[in-house]
C-alpha atoms as a PDB file:
ATOM      1  CA  MET A   1      81.526  40.317  69.826  1.00  0.00           C
ATOM      2  CA  ALA A   2      80.446  43.822  68.812  1.00  0.00           C
ATOM      3  CA  PHE A   3      78.764  44.757  65.532  1.00  0.00           C
ATOM      4  CA  GLY A   4      81.885  45.960  63.706  1.00  0.00           C
ATOM      5  CA  GLN A   5      83.978  43.014  64.825  1.00  0.00           C
ATOM      6  CA  THR A   6      81.257  40.576  63.787  1.00  0.00           C
ATOM      7  CA  VAL A   7      80.940  42.137  60.344  1.00  0.00           C
ATOM      8  CA  ARG A   8      84.709  42.193  59.832  1.00  0.00           C
ATOM      9  CA  PHE A   9      84.936  38.511  60.783  1.00  0.00           C
ATOM     10  CA  HIS A  10      82.214  37.492  58.309  1.00  0.00           C
ATOM     11  CA  ARG A  11      83.523  39.836  55.609  1.00  0.00           C
ATOM     12  CA  ASN A  12      86.958  38.271  55.869  1.00  0.00           C
ATOM     13  CA  GLN A  13      85.450  34.783  55.869  1.00  0.00           C
ATOM     14  CA  LYS A  14      83.683  35.611  52.587  1.00  0.00           C
ATOM     15  CA  GLY A  15      86.882  37.061  51.113  1.00  0.00           C
ATOM     16  CA  PHE A  16      85.627  40.611  50.621  1.00  0.00           C
ATOM     17  CA  GLY A  17      88.153  43.426  50.879  1.00  0.00           C
ATOM     18  CA  LEU A  18      87.136  46.538  52.780  1.00  0.00           C
ATOM     19  CA  ASN A  19      86.967  48.719  49.658  1.00  0.00           C
ATOM     20  CA  GLU A  20      84.903  46.191  47.708  1.00  0.00           C
ATOM     21  CA  PHE A  21      82.525  45.675  50.616  1.00  0.00           C
ATOM     22  CA  ALA A  22      82.046  49.401  51.208  1.00  0.00           C
ATOM     23  CA  GLU A  23      81.370  49.885  47.497  1.00  0.00           C
ATOM     24  CA  ARG A  24      78.713  47.156  47.568  1.00  0.00           C
ATOM     25  CA  LEU A  25      77.085  48.934  50.504  1.00  0.00           C
ATOM     26  CA  GLY A  26      77.302  52.348  48.849  1.00  0.00           C
ATOM     27  CA  VAL A  27      79.370  53.904  51.628  1.00  0.00           C
ATOM     28  CA  SER A  28      82.913  55.199  51.813  1.00  0.00           C
ATOM     29  CA  PRO A  29      85.661  52.774  52.816  1.00  0.00           C
ATOM     30  CA  ALA A  30      86.773  55.261  55.487  1.00  0.00           C
ATOM     31  CA  TYR A  31      83.325  55.249  57.075  1.00  0.00           C
ATOM     32  CA  TRP A  32      83.037  51.472  56.927  1.00  0.00           C
ATOM     33  CA  SER A  33      86.495  51.054  58.417  1.00  0.00           C
ATOM     34  CA  ARG A  34      85.393  53.193  61.377  1.00  0.00           C
ATOM     35  CA  VAL A  35      82.269  51.044  61.783  1.00  0.00           C
ATOM     36  CA  GLU A  36      84.334  47.864  61.850  1.00  0.00           C
ATOM     37  CA  ARG A  37      86.784  49.394  64.336  1.00  0.00           C
ATOM     38  CA  GLU A  38      83.863  50.412  66.606  1.00  0.00           C
ATOM     39  CA  GLN A  39      84.639  54.110  66.137  1.00  0.00           C
ATOM     40  CA  GLU A  40      81.169  54.664  64.684  1.00  0.00           C
ATOM     41  CA  ASN A  41      77.839  53.428  65.952  1.00  0.00           C
ATOM     42  CA  PRO A  42      76.281  50.575  64.010  1.00  0.00           C
ATOM     43  CA  PRO A  43      74.757  51.907  60.785  1.00  0.00           C
ATOM     44  CA  ARG A  44      71.146  52.606  59.974  1.00  0.00           C
ATOM     45  CA  ASP A  45      68.728  49.713  59.496  1.00  0.00           C
ATOM     46  CA  ASP A  46      68.882  49.538  55.711  1.00  0.00           C
ATOM     47  CA  LEU A  47      72.671  49.112  55.816  1.00  0.00           C
ATOM     48  CA  VAL A  48      72.431  46.418  58.486  1.00  0.00           C
ATOM     49  CA  GLU A  49      69.962  44.612  56.215  1.00  0.00           C
ATOM     50  CA  ARG A  50      72.300  44.899  53.200  1.00  0.00           C
ATOM     51  CA  VAL A  51      75.257  43.670  55.255  1.00  0.00           C
ATOM     52  CA  ALA A  52      73.277  40.614  56.323  1.00  0.00           C
ATOM     53  CA  ALA A  53      72.264  39.879  52.733  1.00  0.00           C
ATOM     54  CA  ILE A  54      75.764  40.298  51.288  1.00  0.00           C
ATOM     55  CA  LEU A  55      77.424  38.261  54.016  1.00  0.00           C
ATOM     56  CA  GLU A  56      74.594  35.721  54.190  1.00  0.00           C
ATOM     57  CA  VAL A  57      74.230  36.012  57.953  1.00  0.00           C
ATOM     58  CA  LYS A  58      71.071  36.079  60.037  1.00  0.00           C
ATOM     59  CA  LEU A  59      69.530  39.519  60.119  1.00  0.00           C
ATOM     60  CA  ASP A  60      68.366  39.085  63.712  1.00  0.00           C
ATOM     61  CA  ASP A  61      71.914  38.271  64.810  1.00  0.00           C
ATOM     62  CA  LEU A  62      73.281  41.453  63.250  1.00  0.00           C
ATOM     63  CA  PHE A  63      70.597  43.604  64.832  1.00  0.00           C
ATOM     64  CA  CYS A  64      71.401  42.034  68.198  1.00  0.00           C
ATOM     65  CA  GLU A  65      75.076  42.856  67.678  1.00  0.00           C
ATOM     66  CA  ALA A  66      73.995  46.402  66.810  1.00  0.00           C
ATOM     67  CA  GLY A  67      72.173  46.571  70.146  1.00  0.00           C
ATOM     68  CA  ARG A  68      68.697  47.028  68.779  1.00  0.00           C
ATOM     69  CA  LEU A  69      65.637  45.074  67.768  1.00  0.00           C
ATOM     70  CA  PRO A  70      64.977  44.266  64.135  1.00  0.00           C
ATOM     71  CA  PRO A  71      62.473  46.739  62.660  1.00  0.00           C
ATOM     72  CA  ASP A  72      59.664  44.178  62.413  1.00  0.00           C
ATOM     73  CA  LEU A  73      59.772  43.617  66.197  1.00  0.00           C
ATOM     74  CA  ARG A  74      59.794  47.262  67.225  1.00  0.00           C
ATOM     75  CA  GLY A  75      56.088  47.748  66.571  1.00  0.00           C
ATOM     76  CA  ASP A  76      55.086  45.491  69.452  1.00  0.00           C
ATOM     77  CA  ILE A  77      57.808  45.923  72.034  1.00  0.00           C
ATOM     78  CA  LYS A  78      55.473  44.923  74.862  1.00  0.00           C
ATOM     79  CA  ALA A  79      54.926  41.474  73.319  1.00  0.00           C
ATOM     80  CA  VAL A  80      58.670  41.032  72.752  1.00  0.00           C
ATOM     81  CA  VAL A  81      59.477  41.879  76.365  1.00  0.00           C
ATOM     82  CA  THR A  82      56.666  39.660  77.672  1.00  0.00           C
ATOM     83  CA  LEU A  83      57.868  36.670  75.638  1.00  0.00           C
ATOM     84  CA  TYR A  84      61.449  37.237  76.732  1.00  0.00           C
ATOM     85  CA  ARG A  85      60.530  37.422  80.409  1.00  0.00           C
ATOM     86  CA  ARG A  86      58.370  34.293  80.219  1.00  0.00           C
ATOM     87  CA  SER A  87      61.151  32.395  78.489  1.00  0.00           C
ATOM     88  CA  ARG A  88      63.737  33.579  81.007  1.00  0.00           C
ATOM     89  CA  ASP A  89      61.490  32.723  83.952  1.00  0.00           C
ATOM     90  CA  ALA A  90      60.809  29.255  82.526  1.00  0.00           C
ATOM     91  CA  ARG A  91      64.545  28.600  82.112  1.00  0.00           C
ATOM     92  CA  ASN A  92      65.265  29.812  85.615  1.00  0.00           C
ATOM     93  CA  SER A  93      62.573  27.620  87.160  1.00  0.00           C
ATOM     94  CA  THR A  94      63.826  24.480  85.397  1.00  0.00           C
ATOM     95  CA  SER A  95      67.445  25.073  86.409  1.00  0.00           C
ATOM     96  CA  LYS A  96      66.661  25.184  90.129  1.00  0.00           C
END
């Protein structure tokens, strides 16, 4: 599922209307509607963080849906990639 679809699903599950949710985020309902319909790129980091807090979803999951690393992992991208590759290689070797 893409970022906007994921947010819409969780927003609906929590019972927030689009206008109320956009107001809580401090953005226009028109803009947020475009985000949820995938007509806009995922929003800036601070909005992703607020969305996660309001909807009580994992921040890492939302950043993954947005197609980017959470800010705290961006400082050491080499370590992130190394850990990912080791984990992937370990899974691949055990499944053979």
